[in-house]
Amino acid sequence: MSITLLLAIVVGLGVLMIFYGLARTPSTNTAEMVQQRLQVYGSGGVPDKPLSLDEVELSRPFSERFLRPAIERLGNIMSRSTPEKARQDLDNRLELAGRPANLTPADFGAIRIVGAAIGAALGLLLGLLLGGPLNAVIGLAVGTILGYYAPPLWLKQKVDARRAAIQKGLPDAMDLLVIAVDAGLGFDAALARVTDKYKNALSDMFAKVLREVSLGRARLEAMDEMGRSSGVDDLHNFIQAIIQSEQFGTGIGKILRIQADEMRRKRRQRAQEKAAQATLKMMLPMVGCIFPVLWIVLLGPAALILLKPRS
């Protein structure tokens, strides 16, 4: 029992050291540190002595010095045994989520393994503290499962949040596109105006399309890929309408105005649908929280009278 307790303490200290290192990671990134050193040299200040390679390496955050390279190496090892289709699907989900922390499919797979290891260590520690080998085994299994499946759940939440942000910002962007095109701007210039006006998931996608077009990619091809990869039906329908307008030579201003009116109509319908669902959603807290209190207030005195012993 003393050996298992010592093992649990060692594992717990290791996990605490990892989180302690993450908490002590400085907020200044490498680019800011380089900018500060350049300002020192530009202002005439001369450092006491030039920094060595070891000092420059140690000045970087802990996550860049250890965690990120370790995750990348583990991800490269795992990617060799991952099917190509699975990697492509994961890459699409990461793209839908907005590529958080510039993660690649290999990095995400490594994060799942690390999460499973940390969850297993925490579950084992909790099971040993509760006492008994059965609790330790249950804690180990539950911690491993939670640590392994928590990153996909987090990624799904990011994807859903990004889709909701795109859906929410689409009507306002459509109105601005209509105004810009009616004022005489071209479609690319109107998209640039949207990216300057708004800073959200939709403007980021428009900015990506403009960058690809500036690098020589066909505009319709870049927009079609944006619509298909967004996962938002309204945006995909809007892109298809723009593509058909370009192919058949119809006026783009009229198409934009029709799409803007359609987006506004769908937004009102979604608001009315949520308002209609509010009554059903309020029923559960009413039944679970309000009605029991009413029953206690109304039936409590009668119950006390019935329970009172008769003399």
C-alpha atoms as a PDB file:
ATOM      1  CA  MET A   1       0.000   0.000   0.000  1.00  0.00           C
ATOM      2  CA  SER A   2       2.885   2.390   0.741  1.00  0.00           C
ATOM      3  CA  ILE A   3       4.337   1.753  -2.736  1.00  0.00           C
ATOM      4  CA  THR A   4       1.027   2.536  -4.435  1.00  0.00           C
ATOM      5  CA  LEU A   5       0.633   5.664  -2.332  1.00  0.00           C
ATOM      6  CA  LEU A   6       4.171   6.773  -3.255  1.00  0.00           C
ATOM      7  CA  LEU A   7       3.421   6.125  -6.926  1.00  0.00           C
ATOM      8  CA  ALA A   8       0.241   8.176  -6.690  1.00  0.00           C
ATOM      9  CA  ILE A   9       2.128  11.049  -5.061  1.00  0.00           C
ATOM     10  CA  VAL A  10       4.807  10.974  -7.791  1.00  0.00           C
ATOM     11  CA  VAL A  11       2.183  10.966 -10.546  1.00  0.00           C
ATOM     12  CA  GLY A  12       0.290  13.811  -8.902  1.00  0.00           C
ATOM     13  CA  LEU A  13       3.455  15.880  -8.513  1.00  0.00           C
ATOM     14  CA  GLY A  14       4.287  15.298 -12.176  1.00  0.00           C
ATOM     15  CA  VAL A  15       0.877  16.545 -13.301  1.00  0.00           C
ATOM     16  CA  LEU A  16       1.145  19.554 -10.987  1.00  0.00           C
ATOM     17  CA  MET A  17       4.573  20.403 -12.419  1.00  0.00           C
ATOM     18  CA  ILE A  18       3.162  20.336 -15.946  1.00  0.00           C
ATOM     19  CA  PHE A  19       0.350  22.736 -15.056  1.00  0.00           C
ATOM     20  CA  TYR A  20       2.763  24.867 -13.027  1.00  0.00           C
ATOM     21  CA  GLY A  21       5.036  25.193 -16.053  1.00  0.00           C
ATOM     22  CA  LEU A  22       2.078  26.167 -18.218  1.00  0.00           C
ATOM     23  CA  ALA A  23       0.957  28.747 -15.676  1.00  0.00           C
ATOM     24  CA  ARG A  24       4.416  30.307 -15.568  1.00  0.00           C
ATOM     25  CA  THR A  25       4.605  30.603 -19.340  1.00  0.00           C
ATOM     26  CA  PRO A  26       5.274  34.269 -20.080  1.00  0.00           C
ATOM     27  CA  SER A  27       2.703  36.126 -22.165  1.00  0.00           C
ATOM     28  CA  THR A  28       5.363  37.783 -24.336  1.00  0.00           C
ATOM     29  CA  ASN A  29       5.904  35.776 -27.491  1.00  0.00           C
ATOM     30  CA  THR A  30       9.131  35.409 -29.468  1.00  0.00           C
ATOM     31  CA  ALA A  31       8.306  38.189 -31.917  1.00  0.00           C
ATOM     32  CA  GLU A  32       7.760  40.672 -29.086  1.00  0.00           C
ATOM     33  CA  MET A  33      11.037  39.699 -27.427  1.00  0.00           C
ATOM     34  CA  VAL A  34      12.925  40.189 -30.694  1.00  0.00           C
ATOM     35  CA  GLN A  35      11.218  43.566 -31.172  1.00  0.00           C
ATOM     36  CA  GLN A  36      12.271  44.658 -27.687  1.00  0.00           C
ATOM     37  CA  ARG A  37      15.882  43.684 -28.334  1.00  0.00           C
ATOM     38  CA  LEU A  38      15.882  45.557 -31.636  1.00  0.00           C
ATOM     39  CA  GLN A  39      14.554  48.641 -29.869  1.00  0.00           C
ATOM     40  CA  VAL A  40      17.420  48.408 -27.381  1.00  0.00           C
ATOM     41  CA  TYR A  41      19.984  48.343 -30.199  1.00  0.00           C
ATOM     42  CA  GLY A  42      18.162  51.061 -32.163  1.00  0.00           C
ATOM     43  CA  SER A  43      18.091  53.444 -29.215  1.00  0.00           C
ATOM     44  CA  GLY A  44      21.824  53.206 -28.764  1.00  0.00           C
ATOM     45  CA  GLY A  45      21.749  50.957 -25.774  1.00  0.00           C
ATOM     46  CA  VAL A  46      24.321  48.200 -25.714  1.00  0.00           C
ATOM     47  CA  PRO A  47      23.659  45.068 -23.719  1.00  0.00           C
ATOM     48  CA  ASP A  48      26.174  43.953 -21.160  1.00  0.00           C
ATOM     49  CA  LYS A  49      27.066  40.898 -23.212  1.00  0.00           C
ATOM     50  CA  PRO A  50      25.590  39.119 -26.215  1.00  0.00           C
ATOM     51  CA  LEU A  51      23.109  36.403 -25.434  1.00  0.00           C
ATOM     52  CA  SER A  52      24.229  32.857 -26.034  1.00  0.00           C
ATOM     53  CA  LEU A  53      22.158  30.271 -27.852  1.00  0.00           C
ATOM     54  CA  ASP A  54      21.254  28.605 -24.571  1.00  0.00           C
ATOM     55  CA  GLU A  55      20.027  31.902 -23.106  1.00  0.00           C
ATOM     56  CA  VAL A  56      17.972  32.653 -26.206  1.00  0.00           C
ATOM     57  CA  GLU A  57      16.466  29.167 -26.043  1.00  0.00           C
ATOM     58  CA  LEU A  58      15.681  29.496 -22.333  1.00  0.00           C
ATOM     59  CA  SER A  59      14.045  32.889 -22.903  1.00  0.00           C
ATOM     60  CA  ARG A  60      11.345  31.252 -25.016  1.00  0.00           C
ATOM     61  CA  PRO A  61       8.092  30.159 -23.324  1.00  0.00           C
ATOM     62  CA  PHE A  62       7.911  26.684 -21.835  1.00  0.00           C
ATOM     63  CA  SER A  63       5.181  25.659 -24.267  1.00  0.00           C
ATOM     64  CA  GLU A  64       7.384  26.501 -27.275  1.00  0.00           C
ATOM     65  CA  ARG A  65      10.515  24.917 -25.825  1.00  0.00           C
ATOM     66  CA  PHE A  66       9.084  21.619 -24.663  1.00  0.00           C
ATOM     67  CA  LEU A  67       5.353  21.030 -25.082  1.00  0.00           C
ATOM     68  CA  ARG A  68       4.931  22.004 -28.738  1.00  0.00           C
ATOM     69  CA  PRO A  69       7.961  20.036 -30.044  1.00  0.00           C
ATOM     70  CA  ALA A  70       6.985  17.003 -27.963  1.00  0.00           C
ATOM     71  CA  ILE A  71       3.412  17.093 -29.277  1.00  0.00           C
ATOM     72  CA  GLU A  72       4.650  17.463 -32.860  1.00  0.00           C
ATOM     73  CA  ARG A  73       7.008  14.478 -32.530  1.00  0.00           C
ATOM     74  CA  LEU A  74       4.285  12.333 -30.997  1.00  0.00           C
ATOM     75  CA  GLY A  75       1.867  13.465 -33.694  1.00  0.00           C
ATOM     76  CA  ASN A  76       4.293  12.557 -36.472  1.00  0.00           C
ATOM     77  CA  ILE A  77       4.682   9.077 -35.016  1.00  0.00           C
ATOM     78  CA  MET A  78       0.914   8.598 -34.792  1.00  0.00           C
ATOM     79  CA  SER A  79       0.190  10.022 -38.257  1.00  0.00           C
ATOM     80  CA  ARG A  80       2.114   7.190 -39.871  1.00  0.00           C
ATOM     81  CA  SER A  81      -0.495   4.679 -38.702  1.00  0.00           C
ATOM     82  CA  THR A  82      -3.544   6.906 -39.305  1.00  0.00           C
ATOM     83  CA  PRO A  83      -5.505   6.353 -42.528  1.00  0.00           C
ATOM     84  CA  GLU A  84      -5.424   9.156 -45.063  1.00  0.00           C
ATOM     85  CA  LYS A  85      -9.205   9.579 -45.054  1.00  0.00           C
ATOM     86  CA  ALA A  86      -9.290   9.956 -41.278  1.00  0.00           C
ATOM     87  CA  ARG A  87      -6.542  12.580 -41.428  1.00  0.00           C
ATOM     88  CA  GLN A  88      -8.413  14.462 -44.152  1.00  0.00           C
ATOM     89  CA  ASP A  89     -11.670  14.416 -42.179  1.00  0.00           C
ATOM     90  CA  LEU A  90      -9.894  15.678 -39.073  1.00  0.00           C
ATOM     91  CA  ASP A  91      -8.181  18.403 -41.096  1.00  0.00           C
ATOM     92  CA  ASN A  92     -11.586  19.501 -42.429  1.00  0.00           C
ATOM     93  CA  ARG A  93     -12.983  19.696 -38.890  1.00  0.00           C
ATOM     94  CA  LEU A  94      -9.994  21.735 -37.760  1.00  0.00           C
ATOM     95  CA  GLU A  95     -10.524  24.069 -40.709  1.00  0.00           C
ATOM     96  CA  LEU A  96     -14.200  24.424 -39.796  1.00  0.00           C
ATOM     97  CA  ALA A  97     -13.156  25.276 -36.241  1.00  0.00           C
ATOM     98  CA  GLY A  98     -10.912  28.069 -37.512  1.00  0.00           C
ATOM     99  CA  ARG A  99      -7.645  26.172 -37.047  1.00  0.00           C
ATOM    100  CA  PRO A 100      -7.289  26.799 -33.284  1.00  0.00           C
ATOM    101  CA  ALA A 101      -3.656  27.208 -32.200  1.00  0.00           C
ATOM    102  CA  ASN A 102      -2.626  26.253 -35.779  1.00  0.00           C
ATOM    103  CA  LEU A 103      -3.201  22.598 -34.949  1.00  0.00           C
ATOM    104  CA  THR A 104      -2.601  19.937 -37.552  1.00  0.00           C
ATOM    105  CA  PRO A 105      -4.255  16.490 -37.556  1.00  0.00           C
ATOM    106  CA  ALA A 106      -1.036  15.005 -36.192  1.00  0.00           C
ATOM    107  CA  ASP A 107      -0.932  17.562 -33.365  1.00  0.00           C
ATOM    108  CA  PHE A 108      -4.565  16.899 -32.481  1.00  0.00           C
ATOM    109  CA  GLY A 109      -3.971  13.143 -32.337  1.00  0.00           C
ATOM    110  CA  ALA A 110      -1.010  13.721 -30.032  1.00  0.00           C
ATOM    111  CA  ILE A 111      -3.136  15.961 -27.812  1.00  0.00           C
ATOM    112  CA  ARG A 112      -5.673  13.146 -27.470  1.00  0.00           C
ATOM    113  CA  ILE A 113      -2.934  10.748 -26.339  1.00  0.00           C
ATOM    114  CA  VAL A 114      -1.535  13.287 -23.874  1.00  0.00           C
ATOM    115  CA  GLY A 115      -5.047  14.005 -22.593  1.00  0.00           C
ATOM    116  CA  ALA A 116      -5.649  10.296 -22.087  1.00  0.00           C
ATOM    117  CA  ALA A 117      -2.379   9.968 -20.157  1.00  0.00           C
ATOM    118  CA  ILE A 118      -3.169  12.954 -17.925  1.00  0.00           C
ATOM    119  CA  GLY A 119      -6.729  11.718 -17.372  1.00  0.00           C
ATOM    120  CA  ALA A 120      -5.446   8.265 -16.500  1.00  0.00           C
ATOM    121  CA  ALA A 121      -2.971   9.714 -13.996  1.00  0.00           C
ATOM    122  CA  LEU A 122      -5.606  11.900 -12.348  1.00  0.00           C
ATOM    123  CA  GLY A 123      -8.147   9.056 -12.283  1.00  0.00           C
ATOM    124  CA  LEU A 124      -5.610   6.668 -10.778  1.00  0.00           C
ATOM    125  CA  LEU A 125      -4.632   9.220  -8.161  1.00  0.00           C
ATOM    126  CA  LEU A 126      -8.260   9.836  -7.228  1.00  0.00           C
ATOM    127  CA  GLY A 127      -8.960   6.099  -7.056  1.00  0.00           C
ATOM    128  CA  LEU A 128      -5.957   5.500  -4.795  1.00  0.00           C
ATOM    129  CA  LEU A 129      -7.020   8.349  -2.522  1.00  0.00           C
ATOM    130  CA  LEU A 130     -10.488   6.836  -2.213  1.00  0.00           C
ATOM    131  CA  GLY A 131      -8.882   3.531  -1.307  1.00  0.00           C
ATOM    132  CA  GLY A 132      -9.183   0.047  -2.725  1.00  0.00           C
ATOM    133  CA  PRO A 133      -7.883  -1.495  -5.963  1.00  0.00           C
ATOM    134  CA  LEU A 134     -11.355  -1.463  -7.528  1.00  0.00           C
ATOM    135  CA  ASN A 135     -11.618   2.317  -7.156  1.00  0.00           C
ATOM    136  CA  ALA A 136      -8.142   2.697  -8.659  1.00  0.00           C
ATOM    137  CA  VAL A 137      -9.079   0.599 -11.704  1.00  0.00           C
ATOM    138  CA  ILE A 138     -12.364   2.450 -12.168  1.00  0.00           C
ATOM    139  CA  GLY A 139     -10.651   5.829 -11.818  1.00  0.00           C
ATOM    140  CA  LEU A 140      -7.956   4.802 -14.296  1.00  0.00           C
ATOM    141  CA  ALA A 141     -10.518   3.669 -16.884  1.00  0.00           C
ATOM    142  CA  VAL A 142     -12.808   6.669 -16.472  1.00  0.00           C
ATOM    143  CA  GLY A 143      -9.912   9.146 -16.532  1.00  0.00           C
ATOM    144  CA  THR A 144      -8.456   7.584 -19.683  1.00  0.00           C
ATOM    145  CA  ILE A 145     -11.796   7.673 -21.501  1.00  0.00           C
ATOM    146  CA  LEU A 146     -12.515  11.259 -20.475  1.00  0.00           C
ATOM    147  CA  GLY A 147      -9.030  12.453 -21.385  1.00  0.00           C
ATOM    148  CA  TYR A 148      -9.147  10.735 -24.777  1.00  0.00           C
ATOM    149  CA  TYR A 149     -12.605  11.928 -25.821  1.00  0.00           C
ATOM    150  CA  ALA A 150     -12.482  15.438 -24.329  1.00  0.00           C
ATOM    151  CA  PRO A 151     -10.497  16.982 -27.259  1.00  0.00           C
ATOM    152  CA  PRO A 152     -13.034  15.828 -29.922  1.00  0.00           C
ATOM    153  CA  LEU A 153     -15.866  17.257 -27.824  1.00  0.00           C
ATOM    154  CA  TRP A 154     -13.959  20.527 -27.509  1.00  0.00           C
ATOM    155  CA  LEU A 155     -13.362  20.548 -31.285  1.00  0.00           C
ATOM    156  CA  LYS A 156     -17.046  19.916 -31.949  1.00  0.00           C
ATOM    157  CA  GLN A 157     -17.936  22.821 -29.681  1.00  0.00           C
ATOM    158  CA  LYS A 158     -15.524  25.071 -31.591  1.00  0.00           C
ATOM    159  CA  VAL A 159     -17.010  23.985 -34.930  1.00  0.00           C
ATOM    160  CA  ASP A 160     -20.578  24.614 -33.747  1.00  0.00           C
ATOM    161  CA  ALA A 161     -19.626  28.009 -32.309  1.00  0.00           C
ATOM    162  CA  ARG A 162     -17.904  29.038 -35.556  1.00  0.00           C
ATOM    163  CA  ARG A 163     -20.871  27.943 -37.660  1.00  0.00           C
ATOM    164  CA  ALA A 164     -23.206  29.905 -35.399  1.00  0.00           C
ATOM    165  CA  ALA A 165     -20.966  32.976 -35.707  1.00  0.00           C
ATOM    166  CA  ILE A 166     -20.974  32.682 -39.516  1.00  0.00           C
ATOM    167  CA  GLN A 167     -24.752  32.263 -39.533  1.00  0.00           C
ATOM    168  CA  LYS A 168     -25.189  35.275 -37.279  1.00  0.00           C
ATOM    169  CA  GLY A 169     -22.888  37.589 -39.230  1.00  0.00           C
ATOM    170  CA  LEU A 170     -24.127  36.667 -42.701  1.00  0.00           C
ATOM    171  CA  PRO A 171     -27.173  39.044 -42.928  1.00  0.00           C
ATOM    172  CA  ASP A 172     -25.151  42.092 -41.847  1.00  0.00           C
ATOM    173  CA  ALA A 173     -22.393  41.212 -44.312  1.00  0.00           C
ATOM    174  CA  MET A 174     -24.967  40.813 -47.075  1.00  0.00           C
ATOM    175  CA  ASP A 175     -26.398  44.276 -46.370  1.00  0.00           C
ATOM    176  CA  LEU A 176     -22.936  45.819 -46.530  1.00  0.00           C
ATOM    177  CA  LEU A 177     -22.206  43.991 -49.789  1.00  0.00           C
ATOM    178  CA  VAL A 178     -25.425  45.359 -51.301  1.00  0.00           C
ATOM    179  CA  ILE A 179     -24.574  48.913 -50.232  1.00  0.00           C
ATOM    180  CA  ALA A 180     -21.001  48.644 -51.521  1.00  0.00           C
ATOM    181  CA  VAL A 181     -22.023  47.199 -54.897  1.00  0.00           C
ATOM    182  CA  ASP A 182     -24.799  49.776 -55.341  1.00  0.00           C
ATOM    183  CA  ALA A 183     -22.218  52.480 -54.611  1.00  0.00           C
ATOM    184  CA  GLY A 184     -20.168  51.314 -57.615  1.00  0.00           C
ATOM    185  CA  LEU A 185     -17.583  48.994 -56.065  1.00  0.00           C
ATOM    186  CA  GLY A 186     -16.652  45.675 -57.603  1.00  0.00           C
ATOM    187  CA  PHE A 187     -17.395  42.436 -55.838  1.00  0.00           C
ATOM    188  CA  ASP A 188     -13.798  41.947 -54.667  1.00  0.00           C
ATOM    189  CA  ALA A 189     -13.670  45.506 -53.339  1.00  0.00           C
ATOM    190  CA  ALA A 190     -17.001  44.926 -51.580  1.00  0.00           C
ATOM    191  CA  LEU A 191     -15.604  41.798 -49.927  1.00  0.00           C
ATOM    192  CA  ALA A 192     -12.561  43.796 -48.826  1.00  0.00           C
ATOM    193  CA  ARG A 193     -14.887  46.393 -47.311  1.00  0.00           C
ATOM    194  CA  VAL A 194     -16.653  43.637 -45.346  1.00  0.00           C
ATOM    195  CA  THR A 195     -13.345  42.316 -44.015  1.00  0.00           C
ATOM    196  CA  ASP A 196     -12.388  45.832 -42.914  1.00  0.00           C
ATOM    197  CA  LYS A 197     -15.741  46.517 -41.268  1.00  0.00           C
ATOM    198  CA  TYR A 198     -16.283  43.256 -39.381  1.00  0.00           C
ATOM    199  CA  LYS A 199     -13.906  41.062 -37.415  1.00  0.00           C
ATOM    200  CA  ASN A 200     -15.595  37.687 -37.098  1.00  0.00           C
ATOM    201  CA  ALA A 201     -15.468  34.187 -38.555  1.00  0.00           C
ATOM    202  CA  LEU A 202     -17.197  35.224 -41.799  1.00  0.00           C
ATOM    203  CA  SER A 203     -14.833  38.118 -42.438  1.00  0.00           C
ATOM    204  CA  ASP A 204     -11.891  35.776 -41.857  1.00  0.00           C
ATOM    205  CA  MET A 205     -13.220  33.451 -44.553  1.00  0.00           C
ATOM    206  CA  PHE A 206     -13.715  36.360 -46.967  1.00  0.00           C
ATOM    207  CA  ALA A 207     -10.165  37.538 -46.227  1.00  0.00           C
ATOM    208  CA  LYS A 208      -8.845  34.061 -46.991  1.00  0.00           C
ATOM    209  CA  VAL A 209     -10.653  34.088 -50.354  1.00  0.00           C
ATOM    210  CA  LEU A 210      -9.179  37.488 -51.213  1.00  0.00           C
ATOM    211  CA  ARG A 211      -5.674  36.271 -50.351  1.00  0.00           C
ATOM    212  CA  GLU A 212      -6.086  33.214 -52.559  1.00  0.00           C
ATOM    213  CA  VAL A 213      -7.382  35.365 -55.428  1.00  0.00           C
ATOM    214  CA  SER A 214      -4.442  37.739 -55.068  1.00  0.00           C
ATOM    215  CA  LEU A 215      -2.101  34.737 -55.329  1.00  0.00           C
ATOM    216  CA  GLY A 216      -3.625  33.766 -58.673  1.00  0.00           C
ATOM    217  CA  ARG A 217      -6.413  31.346 -57.818  1.00  0.00           C
ATOM    218  CA  ALA A 218      -9.706  31.667 -59.688  1.00  0.00           C
ATOM    219  CA  ARG A 219     -12.236  33.641 -57.654  1.00  0.00           C
ATOM    220  CA  LEU A 220     -15.162  31.330 -58.329  1.00  0.00           C
ATOM    221  CA  GLU A 221     -13.109  28.295 -57.362  1.00  0.00           C
ATOM    222  CA  ALA A 222     -11.956  29.887 -54.105  1.00  0.00           C
ATOM    223  CA  MET A 223     -15.485  30.972 -53.212  1.00  0.00           C
ATOM    224  CA  ASP A 224     -16.945  27.575 -54.065  1.00  0.00           C
ATOM    225  CA  GLU A 225     -14.462  25.866 -51.748  1.00  0.00           C
ATOM    226  CA  MET A 226     -15.273  28.393 -49.015  1.00  0.00           C
ATOM    227  CA  GLY A 227     -18.993  27.678 -49.315  1.00  0.00           C
ATOM    228  CA  ARG A 228     -18.556  23.903 -49.275  1.00  0.00           C
ATOM    229  CA  SER A 229     -16.106  23.847 -46.380  1.00  0.00           C
ATOM    230  CA  SER A 230     -18.028  26.285 -44.169  1.00  0.00           C
ATOM    231  CA  GLY A 231     -20.778  23.812 -43.260  1.00  0.00           C
ATOM    232  CA  VAL A 232     -23.392  26.621 -43.323  1.00  0.00           C
ATOM    233  CA  ASP A 233     -26.190  26.061 -45.822  1.00  0.00           C
ATOM    234  CA  ASP A 234     -27.078  29.744 -46.164  1.00  0.00           C
ATOM    235  CA  LEU A 235     -23.512  30.693 -47.028  1.00  0.00           C
ATOM    236  CA  HIS A 236     -23.245  27.808 -49.493  1.00  0.00           C
ATOM    237  CA  ASN A 237     -26.484  28.884 -51.221  1.00  0.00           C
ATOM    238  CA  PHE A 238     -25.228  32.471 -51.404  1.00  0.00           C
ATOM    239  CA  ILE A 239     -21.956  31.366 -52.986  1.00  0.00           C
ATOM    240  CA  GLN A 240     -23.779  29.207 -55.521  1.00  0.00           C
ATOM    241  CA  ALA A 241     -25.991  32.171 -56.451  1.00  0.00           C
ATOM    242  CA  ILE A 242     -22.911  34.333 -56.993  1.00  0.00           C
ATOM    243  CA  ILE A 243     -21.289  31.634 -59.127  1.00  0.00           C
ATOM    244  CA  GLN A 244     -24.410  31.302 -61.280  1.00  0.00           C
ATOM    245  CA  SER A 245     -24.584  35.070 -61.640  1.00  0.00           C
ATOM    246  CA  GLU A 246     -20.991  35.154 -62.892  1.00  0.00           C
ATOM    247  CA  GLN A 247     -21.532  32.252 -65.285  1.00  0.00           C
ATOM    248  CA  PHE A 248     -24.782  33.546 -66.822  1.00  0.00           C
ATOM    249  CA  GLY A 249     -23.808  37.226 -66.815  1.00  0.00           C
ATOM    250  CA  THR A 250     -26.701  38.511 -64.698  1.00  0.00           C
ATOM    251  CA  GLY A 251     -26.396  41.596 -62.544  1.00  0.00           C
ATOM    252  CA  ILE A 252     -24.651  40.824 -59.276  1.00  0.00           C
ATOM    253  CA  GLY A 253     -26.348  43.722 -57.472  1.00  0.00           C
ATOM    254  CA  LYS A 254     -29.798  42.213 -57.988  1.00  0.00           C
ATOM    255  CA  ILE A 255     -28.583  38.789 -56.813  1.00  0.00           C
ATOM    256  CA  LEU A 256     -27.071  40.321 -53.682  1.00  0.00           C
ATOM    257  CA  ARG A 257     -30.275  42.205 -52.893  1.00  0.00           C
ATOM    258  CA  ILE A 258     -32.382  39.065 -53.258  1.00  0.00           C
ATOM    259  CA  GLN A 259     -29.958  37.074 -51.075  1.00  0.00           C
ATOM    260  CA  ALA A 260     -29.918  39.822 -48.423  1.00  0.00           C
ATOM    261  CA  ASP A 261     -33.721  39.820 -48.213  1.00  0.00           C
ATOM    262  CA  GLU A 262     -33.673  36.021 -47.984  1.00  0.00           C
ATOM    263  CA  MET A 263     -31.121  36.091 -45.160  1.00  0.00           C
ATOM    264  CA  ARG A 264     -33.194  38.580 -43.213  1.00  0.00           C
ATOM    265  CA  ARG A 265     -36.329  36.480 -43.684  1.00  0.00           C
ATOM    266  CA  LYS A 266     -34.543  33.352 -42.450  1.00  0.00           C
ATOM    267  CA  ARG A 267     -33.196  35.232 -39.447  1.00  0.00           C
ATOM    268  CA  ARG A 268     -36.745  36.267 -38.475  1.00  0.00           C
ATOM    269  CA  GLN A 269     -37.941  32.694 -38.915  1.00  0.00           C
ATOM    270  CA  ARG A 270     -35.183  31.366 -36.666  1.00  0.00           C
ATOM    271  CA  ALA A 271     -36.017  33.987 -34.028  1.00  0.00           C
ATOM    272  CA  GLN A 272     -39.706  33.049 -34.155  1.00  0.00           C
ATOM    273  CA  GLU A 273     -38.820  29.370 -33.898  1.00  0.00           C
ATOM    274  CA  LYS A 274     -36.691  29.955 -30.813  1.00  0.00           C
ATOM    275  CA  ALA A 275     -39.445  32.059 -29.275  1.00  0.00           C
ATOM    276  CA  ALA A 276     -41.939  29.244 -29.874  1.00  0.00           C
ATOM    277  CA  GLN A 277     -39.576  26.755 -28.221  1.00  0.00           C
ATOM    278  CA  ALA A 278     -39.149  28.940 -25.138  1.00  0.00           C
ATOM    279  CA  THR A 279     -42.426  27.701 -23.607  1.00  0.00           C
ATOM    280  CA  LEU A 280     -41.375  24.063 -23.822  1.00  0.00           C
ATOM    281  CA  LYS A 281     -37.887  24.818 -22.506  1.00  0.00           C
ATOM    282  CA  MET A 282     -39.331  26.677 -19.515  1.00  0.00           C
ATOM    283  CA  MET A 283     -41.524  23.731 -18.534  1.00  0.00           C
ATOM    284  CA  LEU A 284     -38.672  21.609 -17.145  1.00  0.00           C
ATOM    285  CA  PRO A 285     -37.352  24.202 -14.644  1.00  0.00           C
ATOM    286  CA  MET A 286     -40.936  25.029 -13.672  1.00  0.00           C
ATOM    287  CA  VAL A 287     -41.777  21.396 -12.960  1.00  0.00           C
ATOM    288  CA  GLY A 288     -38.464  20.731 -11.220  1.00  0.00           C
ATOM    289  CA  CYS A 289     -38.069  23.922  -9.203  1.00  0.00           C
ATOM    290  CA  ILE A 290     -41.305  25.875  -8.848  1.00  0.00           C
ATOM    291  CA  PHE A 291     -43.979  23.194  -8.446  1.00  0.00           C
ATOM    292  CA  PRO A 292     -42.249  21.357  -5.559  1.00  0.00           C
ATOM    293  CA  VAL A 293     -42.055  24.616  -3.618  1.00  0.00           C
ATOM    294  CA  LEU A 294     -45.737  25.261  -4.253  1.00  0.00           C
ATOM    295  CA  TRP A 295     -46.601  21.769  -3.094  1.00  0.00           C
ATOM    296  CA  ILE A 296     -44.600  22.264   0.095  1.00  0.00           C
ATOM    297  CA  VAL A 297     -46.290  25.589   0.804  1.00  0.00           C
ATOM    298  CA  LEU A 298     -49.801  24.327   0.067  1.00  0.00           C
ATOM    299  CA  LEU A 299     -49.623  20.778   1.401  1.00  0.00           C
ATOM    300  CA  GLY A 300     -47.046  21.282   4.149  1.00  0.00           C
ATOM    301  CA  PRO A 301     -49.468  22.528   6.839  1.00  0.00           C
ATOM    302  CA  ALA A 302     -51.944  19.766   6.022  1.00  0.00           C
ATOM    303  CA  ALA A 303     -49.196  17.147   6.278  1.00  0.00           C
ATOM    304  CA  LEU A 304     -48.069  18.542   9.639  1.00  0.00           C
ATOM    305  CA  ILE A 305     -51.638  18.363  10.922  1.00  0.00           C
ATOM    306  CA  LEU A 306     -52.003  14.767   9.747  1.00  0.00           C
ATOM    307  CA  LEU A 307     -48.682  13.746  11.269  1.00  0.00           C
ATOM    308  CA  LYS A 308     -49.395  15.416  14.603  1.00  0.00           C
ATOM    309  CA  PRO A 309     -50.119  12.748  17.233  1.00  0.00           C
ATOM    310  CA  ARG A 310     -53.623  12.868  18.595  1.00  0.00           C
ATOM    311  CA  SER A 311     -54.049  13.326  22.321  1.00  0.00           C
END
